[in-house]
Amino acid sequence: MSGDQRWVCAGWLILLAAALLSASHWPIYPYFVDSYYHLSVIEGFRAAGGPVLQAVWEAAPEGRPHLYPPLFHLLFLPARMAGIPAITLARFWTWASFPLLLLLVWFVFRRLTTPRLAALTLIALVTPYSFFLGSINYVPATLTLIFAMGILLALARQRWLAGGLLLALVFWTHAGFSWLLTLSLILFGLFSREHRKTAWICAGIGILGGSPWLLHLARQTSHFKFAPRGEERFIELSILPLTLAFFGAVLAWKKGGIYRFWLALALGFLPMLAGYRFRFFAAQGLFPLLLLTGIALDWAAGRLLRGKGLAAALAAMALLAPTLHTSPAGSKMVWADTTGAVLSGAVTPAYRGTGNPLYHTRLISPLVKAVQAHTQRDELIFCNLPYLGIMLGVLSDRASSSPLLREMGDSPQADQIHPARLVIWVKDPSGSPTLEMQGIVLQHHLRPLGETELAYLFLNPYGEGKRRAPRAVCPWWLALGAFGLVFGWAVRDLRRPA
């Protein structure tokens, strides 16, 4: 085989290995907590028959304005309406997100660069285990990176309409990354005179296309508040890829043209450091830096290493590269903290909250059965751990009186307990009833129903709150069809002959 053919084979092997290794963990997906929030939104859309502007599945019975863009949830709504179990949907998007992102990078980079650079970029992307976890946990954000690859292709082909339409879809997918990509386009216009007009028109069309949702958000600014994120106490630094990314940034600037978009993305994502520092270094913020790492690896493959030496160096990085973990407890270096090493079972990963499933059949099933046995479908539940409350609500078809998104503020706990028919109190690690729980029981005259391995259950005799029926803005098929037309229009423009 020629050199290019070997790199093409290497790229496809990486994609296949990523898909299979990720699939091997299907029984314990989804990890972390975000998937259950998205499932709750999908359930809300299903009950309403389409997208809604008022979330009544949390902070019930009043609910609160729904401020998460609807596209991701609409994509999976038909499957849920067809009867596919919620947990199966969450497992599917957890598995599919990482291989799909790699596939789009491979598809676009092979068309814009060389098979060698495309394959080496895949190696960079599959190296940090933290990036894998970020990709499968924060799936709507990962979807925006997939759209970003389409925008990159549109910029290279000078297709401002396609790029703008794809950016508009990003605005309907993720509120934060839409602005980060817009900033990246503005910076790229400054970096490349050749692509300036296309980049800036893309940004304008994207903002215009997302304006209805932006107007909805602007009307709800009073609901926002700053909420410290516990994850910001932890930082993960993938030492080798980050070091190579600095060299890649210099090389991208020297190459000029479309390569400077890699650099524009890295700079455009820097605002994440203000409130999402963990996700900048360990999730989607790492994406453009890993793209720059690919450029550095490509330079090394052409100038420094060849043959077996190159293969050994790449294998060592992809399997043995270290990560520096910092937390309030101190710092530590973890070796072989890579996607391939962890997913293959070769090493035990460093503990991360984002790397563990919240769903355990032995712990959750008894609670779901208790919720269904002691409440009617229109009655409310409260849990002192809001994420668990949302999970139980999804799995038992109930609404939760506790709010989930802290960025929108929390009502007093007493106000959350008052309308709930069933109160679920997660046990203290010691297993003993806490003074706080005992005070809540006395204050609200709660009646003990029993306990499971995970929590105590109480009946609230005064909990008379009822779940409200959500109102759809439009039928789900109309909204999804409109987004499908926009996407199809963008693809048609991309495929148009030069």
Protein backbone atom coordinates (compact mmCIF):
# COMPACT_ATOMS: atom_id res chain seq x y z
CA MET A 1 0.00 0.00 0.00
CA SER A 2 1.07 3.58 -0.57
CA GLY A 3 1.61 5.93 2.35
CA ASP A 4 -1.82 7.55 1.94
CA GLN A 5 -3.54 4.17 1.80
CA ARG A 6 -1.86 3.11 5.04
CA TRP A 7 -3.12 6.25 6.77
CA VAL A 8 -6.62 5.68 5.39
CA CYS A 9 -6.59 2.16 6.85
CA ALA A 10 -5.27 3.51 10.15
CA GLY A 11 -8.08 6.06 10.31
CA TRP A 12 -10.80 3.50 9.71
CA LEU A 13 -9.27 1.17 12.28
CA ILE A 14 -9.32 3.97 14.87
CA LEU A 15 -12.97 4.66 14.13
CA LEU A 16 -13.87 0.98 14.37
CA ALA A 17 -11.96 0.54 17.63
CA ALA A 18 -13.61 3.62 19.17
CA ALA A 19 -17.09 2.39 18.25
CA LEU A 20 -16.49 -1.14 19.54
CA LEU A 21 -14.73 -0.16 22.76
CA SER A 22 -17.43 2.38 23.55
CA ALA A 23 -20.14 -0.19 22.79
CA SER A 24 -18.56 -2.64 25.24
CA HIS A 25 -19.64 -0.34 28.08
CA TRP A 26 -23.29 -0.16 26.92
CA PRO A 27 -24.74 -1.98 29.99
CA ILE A 28 -23.49 0.70 32.39
CA TYR A 29 -24.34 3.75 30.27
CA PRO A 30 -25.29 6.54 30.74
CA TYR A 31 -22.61 8.06 32.92
CA PHE A 32 -23.06 11.08 35.18
CA VAL A 33 -26.32 13.03 35.45
CA ASP A 34 -26.90 15.14 32.34
CA SER A 35 -28.67 12.44 30.35
CA TYR A 36 -31.49 12.29 32.89
CA TYR A 37 -32.14 16.01 32.53
CA HIS A 38 -32.40 15.59 28.75
CA LEU A 39 -34.69 12.60 29.19
CA SER A 40 -36.94 14.69 31.41
CA VAL A 41 -37.18 17.36 28.71
CA ILE A 42 -38.02 14.72 26.11
CA GLU A 43 -40.76 13.39 28.40
CA GLY A 44 -42.10 16.93 28.77
CA PHE A 45 -42.17 17.36 24.99
CA ARG A 46 -43.86 13.98 24.63
CA ALA A 47 -46.60 14.91 27.08
CA ALA A 48 -47.19 18.19 25.26
CA GLY A 49 -46.89 16.80 21.74
CA GLY A 50 -44.10 19.21 20.84
CA PRO A 51 -41.57 21.74 22.17
CA VAL A 52 -42.63 23.87 25.14
CA LEU A 53 -41.51 27.14 26.71
CA GLN A 54 -42.52 26.22 30.27
CA ALA A 55 -40.91 23.32 32.12
CA VAL A 56 -43.57 21.71 34.29
CA TRP A 57 -41.69 18.46 34.95
CA GLU A 58 -39.42 20.23 37.49
CA ALA A 59 -40.15 22.93 40.08
CA ALA A 60 -43.74 21.62 39.84
CA PRO A 61 -46.54 22.47 40.05
CA GLU A 62 -45.76 26.00 38.83
CA GLY A 63 -42.77 24.94 36.77
CA ARG A 64 -40.45 27.54 35.33
CA PRO A 65 -39.39 28.88 31.94
CA HIS A 66 -37.75 26.26 29.78
CA LEU A 67 -34.48 27.76 28.54
CA TYR A 68 -32.62 24.82 27.02
CA PRO A 69 -32.66 24.88 23.19
CA PRO A 70 -35.00 22.18 21.84
CA LEU A 71 -33.24 20.61 18.83
CA PHE A 72 -31.43 17.78 20.62
CA HIS A 73 -34.61 16.74 22.42
CA LEU A 74 -36.69 16.88 19.25
CA LEU A 75 -34.24 14.55 17.51
CA PHE A 76 -34.99 11.78 20.01
CA LEU A 77 -38.64 12.54 20.66
CA PRO A 78 -39.98 10.32 17.84
CA ALA A 79 -38.07 7.32 19.20
CA ARG A 80 -39.50 7.90 22.66
CA MET A 81 -43.00 8.31 21.24
CA ALA A 82 -42.51 4.99 19.44
CA GLY A 83 -42.05 3.32 22.80
CA ILE A 84 -38.27 2.93 23.02
CA PRO A 85 -37.37 2.91 26.76
CA ALA A 86 -35.87 6.13 28.09
CA ILE A 87 -32.79 4.41 29.48
CA THR A 88 -32.16 2.77 26.08
CA LEU A 89 -32.24 6.16 24.38
CA ALA A 90 -29.74 7.54 26.89
CA ARG A 91 -27.47 4.55 26.35
CA PHE A 92 -27.68 5.01 22.59
CA TRP A 93 -26.70 8.67 22.50
CA THR A 94 -23.99 8.02 25.09
CA TRP A 95 -22.49 5.33 22.87
CA ALA A 96 -22.98 7.11 19.53
CA SER A 97 -21.72 10.59 20.39
CA PHE A 98 -17.97 9.92 20.47
CA PRO A 99 -17.66 7.68 17.35
CA LEU A 100 -19.94 10.07 15.43
CA LEU A 101 -17.78 13.07 16.29
CA LEU A 102 -14.66 11.16 15.21
CA LEU A 103 -16.39 10.15 11.97
CA LEU A 104 -17.24 13.75 11.08
CA VAL A 105 -13.69 14.90 11.82
CA TRP A 106 -12.37 12.08 9.62
CA PHE A 107 -14.84 12.89 6.82
CA VAL A 108 -14.08 16.62 6.77
CA PHE A 109 -10.34 16.45 7.33
CA ARG A 110 -9.81 13.89 4.57
CA ARG A 111 -11.46 16.30 2.16
CA LEU A 112 -9.64 19.41 3.33
CA THR A 113 -6.22 18.09 4.30
CA THR A 114 -4.39 14.77 3.91
CA PRO A 115 -5.17 11.22 5.09
CA ARG A 116 -2.13 11.44 7.37
CA LEU A 117 -3.27 14.61 9.12
CA ALA A 118 -6.83 13.25 9.38
CA ALA A 119 -5.65 9.99 10.97
CA LEU A 120 -3.23 11.72 13.33
CA THR A 121 -5.99 14.09 14.45
CA LEU A 122 -8.11 11.06 15.32
CA ILE A 123 -5.22 9.72 17.41
CA ALA A 124 -5.06 13.05 19.25
CA LEU A 125 -8.82 12.97 19.89
CA VAL A 126 -8.84 9.42 21.26
CA THR A 127 -5.92 10.04 23.62
CA PRO A 128 -7.37 11.90 26.68
CA TYR A 129 -9.93 9.83 28.54
CA SER A 130 -11.34 13.07 29.93
CA PHE A 131 -12.29 14.16 26.41
CA PHE A 132 -14.09 10.87 25.82
CA LEU A 133 -16.06 11.38 29.04
CA GLY A 134 -16.89 14.96 28.11
CA SER A 135 -18.12 13.83 24.70
CA ILE A 136 -20.48 11.17 26.05
CA ASN A 137 -21.76 13.13 29.06
CA TYR A 138 -22.49 16.53 27.51
CA VAL A 139 -24.02 15.23 24.29
CA PRO A 140 -25.76 18.40 22.98
CA ALA A 141 -22.41 20.20 23.28
CA THR A 142 -20.80 17.34 21.34
CA LEU A 143 -23.47 17.76 18.68
CA THR A 144 -22.39 21.40 18.29
CA LEU A 145 -18.83 20.21 17.59
CA ILE A 146 -20.24 17.96 14.87
CA PHE A 147 -21.99 20.99 13.38
CA ALA A 148 -18.70 22.88 13.70
CA MET A 149 -17.09 20.36 11.33
CA GLY A 150 -19.81 21.15 8.80
CA ILE A 151 -19.13 24.86 9.28
CA LEU A 152 -15.42 24.22 8.67
CA LEU A 153 -16.24 22.47 5.39
CA ALA A 154 -18.52 25.37 4.42
CA LEU A 155 -15.76 27.88 5.09
CA ALA A 156 -13.26 25.92 3.01
CA ARG A 157 -15.72 25.77 0.09
CA GLN A 158 -16.80 29.40 0.55
CA ARG A 159 -20.39 28.35 1.22
CA TRP A 160 -21.63 31.11 3.50
CA LEU A 161 -25.25 29.96 3.32
CA ALA A 162 -24.46 26.40 4.45
CA GLY A 163 -22.18 27.65 7.23
CA GLY A 164 -24.76 30.15 8.44
CA LEU A 165 -27.59 27.61 8.45
CA LEU A 166 -25.46 25.13 10.42
CA LEU A 167 -24.59 27.84 12.94
CA ALA A 168 -28.30 28.64 13.25
CA LEU A 169 -28.88 24.98 14.16
CA VAL A 170 -26.19 25.33 16.82
CA PHE A 171 -28.16 28.20 18.38
CA TRP A 172 -31.11 25.80 18.62
CA THR A 173 -28.88 23.10 20.16
CA HIS A 174 -26.70 24.73 22.83
CA ALA A 175 -26.92 28.27 24.19
CA GLY A 176 -23.26 28.60 25.16
CA PHE A 177 -21.42 26.98 22.28
CA SER A 178 -23.43 28.91 19.72
CA TRP A 179 -21.76 32.12 20.89
CA LEU A 180 -18.34 30.48 21.16
CA LEU A 181 -18.58 29.34 17.55
CA THR A 182 -19.79 32.79 16.52
CA LEU A 183 -16.76 34.34 18.22
CA SER A 184 -14.54 31.79 16.47
CA LEU A 185 -15.97 32.82 13.09
CA ILE A 186 -15.36 36.48 13.83
CA LEU A 187 -11.77 35.75 14.82
CA PHE A 188 -11.23 33.59 11.75
CA GLY A 189 -12.40 36.48 9.60
CA LEU A 190 -9.67 38.59 11.18
CA PHE A 191 -7.07 35.85 10.69
CA SER A 192 -7.83 35.03 7.03
CA ARG A 193 -8.62 37.76 4.54
CA GLU A 194 -9.53 35.08 1.99
CA HIS A 195 -12.32 33.70 4.18
CA ARG A 196 -13.37 36.92 5.93
CA LYS A 197 -16.53 37.59 3.99
CA THR A 198 -17.73 33.97 4.23
CA ALA A 199 -16.96 33.72 7.96
CA TRP A 200 -18.69 36.94 8.90
CA ILE A 201 -21.76 36.29 6.75
CA CYS A 202 -21.98 32.84 8.37
CA ALA A 203 -21.97 34.50 11.79
CA GLY A 204 -24.70 36.94 10.75
CA ILE A 205 -26.97 34.27 9.26
CA GLY A 206 -26.45 32.06 12.31
CA ILE A 207 -27.49 34.81 14.73
CA LEU A 208 -30.46 35.71 12.55
CA GLY A 209 -31.54 32.06 12.34
CA GLY A 210 -31.25 31.64 16.11
CA SER A 211 -32.95 34.96 16.90
CA PRO A 212 -36.39 33.53 17.86
CA TRP A 213 -34.78 31.45 20.60
CA LEU A 214 -32.46 34.29 21.58
CA LEU A 215 -35.51 36.53 21.99
CA HIS A 216 -37.12 33.93 24.26
CA LEU A 217 -33.95 33.84 26.39
CA ALA A 218 -33.78 37.63 26.53
CA ARG A 219 -37.28 37.75 27.98
CA GLN A 220 -36.24 35.43 30.81
CA THR A 221 -32.99 37.06 31.95
CA SER A 222 -34.47 37.75 35.39
CA HIS A 223 -34.44 34.00 36.06
CA PHE A 224 -30.68 33.67 35.65
CA LYS A 225 -28.22 33.80 38.51
CA PHE A 226 -24.59 32.90 39.03
CA ALA A 227 -24.21 29.47 40.60
CA PRO A 228 -20.78 28.13 41.64
CA ARG A 229 -20.06 24.82 39.94
CA GLY A 230 -18.61 22.08 42.10
CA GLU A 231 -16.72 20.66 39.13
CA GLU A 232 -14.57 23.80 39.00
CA ARG A 233 -12.67 22.51 42.03
CA PHE A 234 -11.24 19.79 39.79
CA ILE A 235 -8.93 20.30 36.84
CA GLU A 236 -7.51 17.69 34.47
CA LEU A 237 -4.58 18.52 32.21
CA SER A 238 -3.65 16.09 29.43
CA ILE A 239 0.01 17.03 29.47
CA LEU A 240 1.33 15.72 26.14
CA PRO A 241 -1.58 16.75 23.86
CA LEU A 242 -1.73 20.21 25.45
CA THR A 243 2.01 20.69 24.99
CA LEU A 244 1.83 19.65 21.36
CA ALA A 245 -1.18 21.96 20.83
CA PHE A 246 1.06 25.01 21.39
CA PHE A 247 3.33 23.86 18.57
CA GLY A 248 0.28 23.08 16.47
CA ALA A 249 -1.01 26.63 16.94
CA VAL A 250 2.23 28.07 15.54
CA LEU A 251 2.13 25.66 12.61
CA ALA A 252 -1.55 26.43 11.89
CA TRP A 253 -0.75 30.14 11.73
CA LYS A 254 2.17 29.52 9.36
CA LYS A 255 0.08 27.29 7.11
CA GLY A 256 -2.51 30.04 6.83
CA GLY A 257 -5.84 29.80 5.06
CA ILE A 258 -8.37 27.36 6.42
CA TYR A 259 -5.85 25.98 8.94
CA ARG A 260 -6.21 29.16 10.95
CA PHE A 261 -9.77 28.16 11.77
CA TRP A 262 -8.25 25.56 14.14
CA LEU A 263 -6.57 28.41 15.96
CA ALA A 264 -9.69 30.59 15.85
CA LEU A 265 -11.67 27.79 17.51
CA ALA A 266 -9.11 27.47 20.29
CA LEU A 267 -9.20 31.20 20.98
CA GLY A 268 -12.97 31.40 20.55
CA PHE A 269 -13.45 28.77 23.26
CA LEU A 270 -11.31 30.66 25.80
CA PRO A 271 -14.36 32.35 27.45
CA MET A 272 -15.16 28.92 28.90
CA LEU A 273 -12.40 29.59 31.43
CA ALA A 274 -14.64 32.18 33.11
CA GLY A 275 -17.21 29.68 34.40
CA TYR A 276 -16.55 26.31 32.78
CA ARG A 277 -12.85 25.83 33.43
CA PHE A 278 -13.20 22.10 34.02
CA ARG A 279 -15.02 21.58 30.73
CA PHE A 280 -12.46 23.70 28.88
CA PHE A 281 -9.58 21.43 29.90
CA ALA A 282 -11.44 18.11 30.12
CA ALA A 283 -14.40 18.21 27.71
CA GLN A 284 -15.52 20.16 24.64
CA GLY A 285 -13.08 22.99 25.29
CA LEU A 286 -10.28 20.50 24.67
CA PHE A 287 -11.56 19.79 21.14
CA PRO A 288 -9.82 22.60 19.21
CA LEU A 289 -6.63 22.04 21.19
CA LEU A 290 -6.61 18.39 20.11
CA LEU A 291 -7.13 19.47 16.51
CA LEU A 292 -3.99 21.59 16.87
CA THR A 293 -2.24 18.58 18.40
CA GLY A 294 -3.00 16.72 15.18
CA ILE A 295 -1.18 19.40 13.18
CA ALA A 296 1.86 19.06 15.44
CA LEU A 297 1.82 15.27 15.06
CA ASP A 298 1.58 15.65 11.29
CA TRP A 299 4.65 17.89 11.28
CA ALA A 300 6.54 15.38 13.43
CA ALA A 301 5.52 12.53 11.13
CA GLY A 302 6.93 14.40 8.16
CA ARG A 303 10.12 15.73 9.72
CA LEU A 304 11.20 13.70 12.75
CA LEU A 305 9.85 10.16 12.87
CA ARG A 306 9.20 7.53 10.25
CA GLY A 307 8.14 3.90 10.10
CA LYS A 308 8.33 1.88 13.30
CA GLY A 309 9.60 4.81 15.34
CA LEU A 310 6.54 6.87 14.45
CA ALA A 311 4.18 3.94 15.12
CA ALA A 312 5.73 3.34 18.54
CA ALA A 313 5.53 7.03 19.48
CA LEU A 314 1.89 7.30 18.44
CA ALA A 315 0.95 4.10 20.27
CA ALA A 316 2.71 5.32 23.41
CA MET A 317 0.80 8.62 23.32
CA ALA A 318 -2.57 7.01 22.60
CA LEU A 319 -2.20 4.38 25.35
CA LEU A 320 0.26 5.66 27.97
CA ALA A 321 -0.04 9.46 28.03
CA PRO A 322 -0.37 10.95 31.55
CA THR A 323 -2.94 13.35 32.97
CA LEU A 324 -2.39 15.78 35.83
CA HIS A 325 -5.36 15.79 38.23
CA THR A 326 -5.77 18.70 40.64
CA SER A 327 -8.41 19.02 43.37
CA PRO A 328 -8.80 20.51 46.86
CA ALA A 329 -7.11 17.33 48.14
CA GLY A 330 -3.96 18.00 46.09
CA SER A 331 -2.45 17.05 42.75
CA LYS A 332 -1.44 13.73 41.25
CA MET A 333 -0.12 12.45 37.94
CA VAL A 334 -2.00 9.49 36.45
CA TRP A 335 -0.30 7.48 33.69
CA ALA A 336 -2.09 5.60 30.92
CA ASP A 337 -5.11 7.83 31.53
CA THR A 338 -6.23 7.41 27.94
CA THR A 339 -9.41 6.34 26.19
CA GLY A 340 -7.96 3.17 24.71
CA ALA A 341 -6.29 2.03 27.92
CA VAL A 342 -9.38 2.59 30.06
CA LEU A 343 -12.10 1.31 27.70
CA SER A 344 -10.11 -1.83 26.93
CA GLY A 345 -9.86 -2.60 30.64
CA ALA A 346 -6.06 -2.44 30.63
CA VAL A 347 -6.05 0.06 33.50
CA THR A 348 -8.40 1.17 36.25
CA PRO A 349 -9.28 4.81 35.61
CA ALA A 350 -8.75 7.56 38.15
CA TYR A 351 -11.96 8.27 40.03
CA ARG A 352 -14.17 10.90 38.43
CA GLY A 353 -17.77 11.75 39.18
CA THR A 354 -18.29 12.10 35.43
CA GLY A 355 -16.94 8.59 34.82
CA ASN A 356 -19.51 6.67 36.82
CA PRO A 357 -23.14 5.73 36.17
CA LEU A 358 -25.83 7.21 38.39
CA TYR A 359 -28.22 4.41 37.48
CA HIS A 360 -27.84 1.13 39.41
CA THR A 361 -30.72 -1.31 39.05
CA ARG A 362 -30.33 -2.64 42.59
CA LEU A 363 -30.56 0.85 44.10
CA ILE A 364 -32.93 2.64 41.74
CA SER A 365 -35.55 -0.01 40.88
CA PRO A 366 -36.98 -0.24 44.43
CA LEU A 367 -37.37 3.54 44.51
CA VAL A 368 -39.10 3.63 41.13
CA LYS A 369 -41.53 0.93 42.28
CA ALA A 370 -42.18 2.83 45.51
CA VAL A 371 -42.91 6.06 43.63
CA GLN A 372 -45.37 4.29 41.34
CA ALA A 373 -47.02 2.46 44.25
CA HIS A 374 -47.55 5.46 46.52
CA THR A 375 -48.40 8.23 44.03
CA GLN A 376 -50.78 8.82 41.16
CA ARG A 377 -49.41 10.01 37.79
CA ASP A 378 -50.48 13.60 38.41
CA GLU A 379 -49.02 13.76 41.95
CA LEU A 380 -45.60 15.22 42.70
CA ILE A 381 -42.44 13.84 44.25
CA PHE A 382 -39.63 15.62 46.08
CA CYS A 383 -36.07 14.40 46.54
CA ASN A 384 -33.39 16.18 48.55
CA LEU A 385 -30.94 15.24 45.74
CA PRO A 386 -32.52 17.03 42.73
CA TYR A 387 -30.74 14.98 40.06
CA LEU A 388 -32.04 11.77 41.62
CA GLY A 389 -35.50 13.32 41.77
CA ILE A 390 -35.37 14.07 38.04
CA MET A 391 -34.18 10.52 37.32
CA LEU A 392 -36.97 8.99 39.37
CA GLY A 393 -39.46 11.29 37.69
CA VAL A 394 -38.35 10.11 34.24
CA LEU A 395 -38.38 6.43 35.14
CA SER A 396 -41.71 6.53 37.00
CA ASP A 397 -43.54 9.13 34.88
CA ARG A 398 -43.88 11.68 37.67
CA ALA A 399 -43.08 15.38 38.00
CA SER A 400 -40.61 16.66 40.58
CA SER A 401 -41.27 19.64 42.83
CA SER A 402 -37.55 20.34 43.15
CA PRO A 403 -35.80 22.46 40.50
CA LEU A 404 -32.74 21.15 38.70
CA LEU A 405 -30.78 23.92 36.98
CA ARG A 406 -29.14 25.94 39.74
CA GLU A 407 -28.31 28.68 37.23
CA MET A 408 -31.99 29.61 37.40
CA GLY A 409 -32.14 29.83 41.18
CA ASP A 410 -33.64 27.61 43.84
CA SER A 411 -36.84 28.14 45.77
CA PRO A 412 -36.74 27.46 49.54
CA GLN A 413 -36.75 23.76 50.35
CA ALA A 414 -39.95 24.07 52.38
CA ASP A 415 -41.73 25.45 49.30
CA GLN A 416 -40.52 22.45 47.29
CA ILE A 417 -41.66 19.89 49.88
CA HIS A 418 -45.08 21.43 50.53
CA PRO A 419 -46.82 20.38 47.25
CA ALA A 420 -45.13 16.95 46.96
CA ARG A 421 -47.10 13.82 47.84
CA LEU A 422 -44.01 11.65 48.26
CA VAL A 423 -40.76 12.79 49.88
CA ILE A 424 -37.61 10.81 49.12
CA TRP A 425 -34.66 11.55 51.40
CA VAL A 426 -31.32 10.12 50.34
CA LYS A 427 -29.51 8.52 53.25
CA ASP A 428 -26.43 9.99 54.82
CA PRO A 429 -23.27 7.92 54.13
CA SER A 430 -23.33 6.89 57.79
CA GLY A 431 -26.77 5.35 57.28
CA SER A 432 -28.22 7.14 60.31
CA PRO A 433 -31.10 9.63 60.13
CA THR A 434 -29.75 13.16 60.14
CA LEU A 435 -30.99 16.03 62.28
CA GLU A 436 -31.95 17.89 59.11
CA MET A 437 -34.19 15.06 57.95
CA GLN A 438 -35.77 14.71 61.37
CA GLY A 439 -36.52 18.42 61.40
CA ILE A 440 -38.12 18.23 57.95
CA VAL A 441 -40.31 15.30 59.07
CA LEU A 442 -41.56 17.24 62.09
CA GLN A 443 -42.02 20.51 60.22
CA HIS A 444 -44.15 18.99 57.45
CA HIS A 445 -45.80 16.22 59.52
CA LEU A 446 -44.46 13.56 57.17
CA ARG A 447 -45.51 9.94 57.66
CA PRO A 448 -42.80 7.26 57.29
CA LEU A 449 -43.48 4.75 54.53
CA GLY A 450 -40.31 2.73 54.79
CA GLU A 451 -36.83 2.79 53.37
CA THR A 452 -34.70 1.27 50.65
CA GLU A 453 -30.97 0.73 50.59
CA LEU A 454 -30.56 4.24 49.19
CA ALA A 455 -33.27 6.43 50.76
CA TYR A 456 -36.07 6.96 53.27
CA LEU A 457 -39.61 7.47 51.98
CA PHE A 458 -42.28 9.66 53.54
CA LEU A 459 -45.89 10.44 52.69
CA ASN A 460 -46.84 14.10 52.84
CA PRO A 461 -50.50 14.20 53.93
CA TYR A 462 -50.75 17.84 52.87
CA GLY A 463 -49.04 17.41 49.50
CA GLU A 464 -51.85 18.23 47.12
CA GLY A 465 -49.87 19.66 44.22
CA LYS A 466 -50.73 18.33 40.78
CA ARG A 467 -48.68 18.11 37.62
CA ARG A 468 -49.80 20.57 34.99
CA ALA A 469 -50.22 19.67 31.35
CA PRO A 470 -47.50 21.39 29.27
CA ARG A 471 -48.49 23.38 26.21
CA ALA A 472 -46.61 22.84 22.97
CA VAL A 473 -45.58 25.82 20.88
CA CYS A 474 -46.24 23.75 17.77
CA PRO A 475 -46.59 20.05 16.87
CA TRP A 476 -43.34 18.11 17.20
CA TRP A 477 -43.38 16.97 13.57
CA LEU A 478 -43.64 20.56 12.36
CA ALA A 479 -40.71 21.73 14.49
CA LEU A 480 -38.54 18.74 13.59
CA GLY A 481 -39.49 19.07 9.93
CA ALA A 482 -38.45 22.73 9.93
CA PHE A 483 -35.05 21.87 11.39
CA GLY A 484 -34.73 19.04 8.86
CA LEU A 485 -35.38 21.46 6.00
CA VAL A 486 -32.71 23.83 7.30
CA PHE A 487 -30.20 20.98 7.59
CA GLY A 488 -31.10 19.66 4.15
CA TRP A 489 -30.71 23.15 2.68
CA ALA A 490 -27.24 23.41 4.24
CA VAL A 491 -26.20 20.00 2.86
CA ARG A 492 -27.50 20.91 -0.60
CA ASP A 493 -25.48 24.11 -0.55
CA LEU A 494 -22.36 22.22 0.53
CA ARG A 495 -22.75 19.74 -2.32
CA ARG A 496 -23.36 22.44 -4.94
CA PRO A 497 -20.72 22.42 -7.71
CA ALA A 498 -18.11 25.18 -7.43
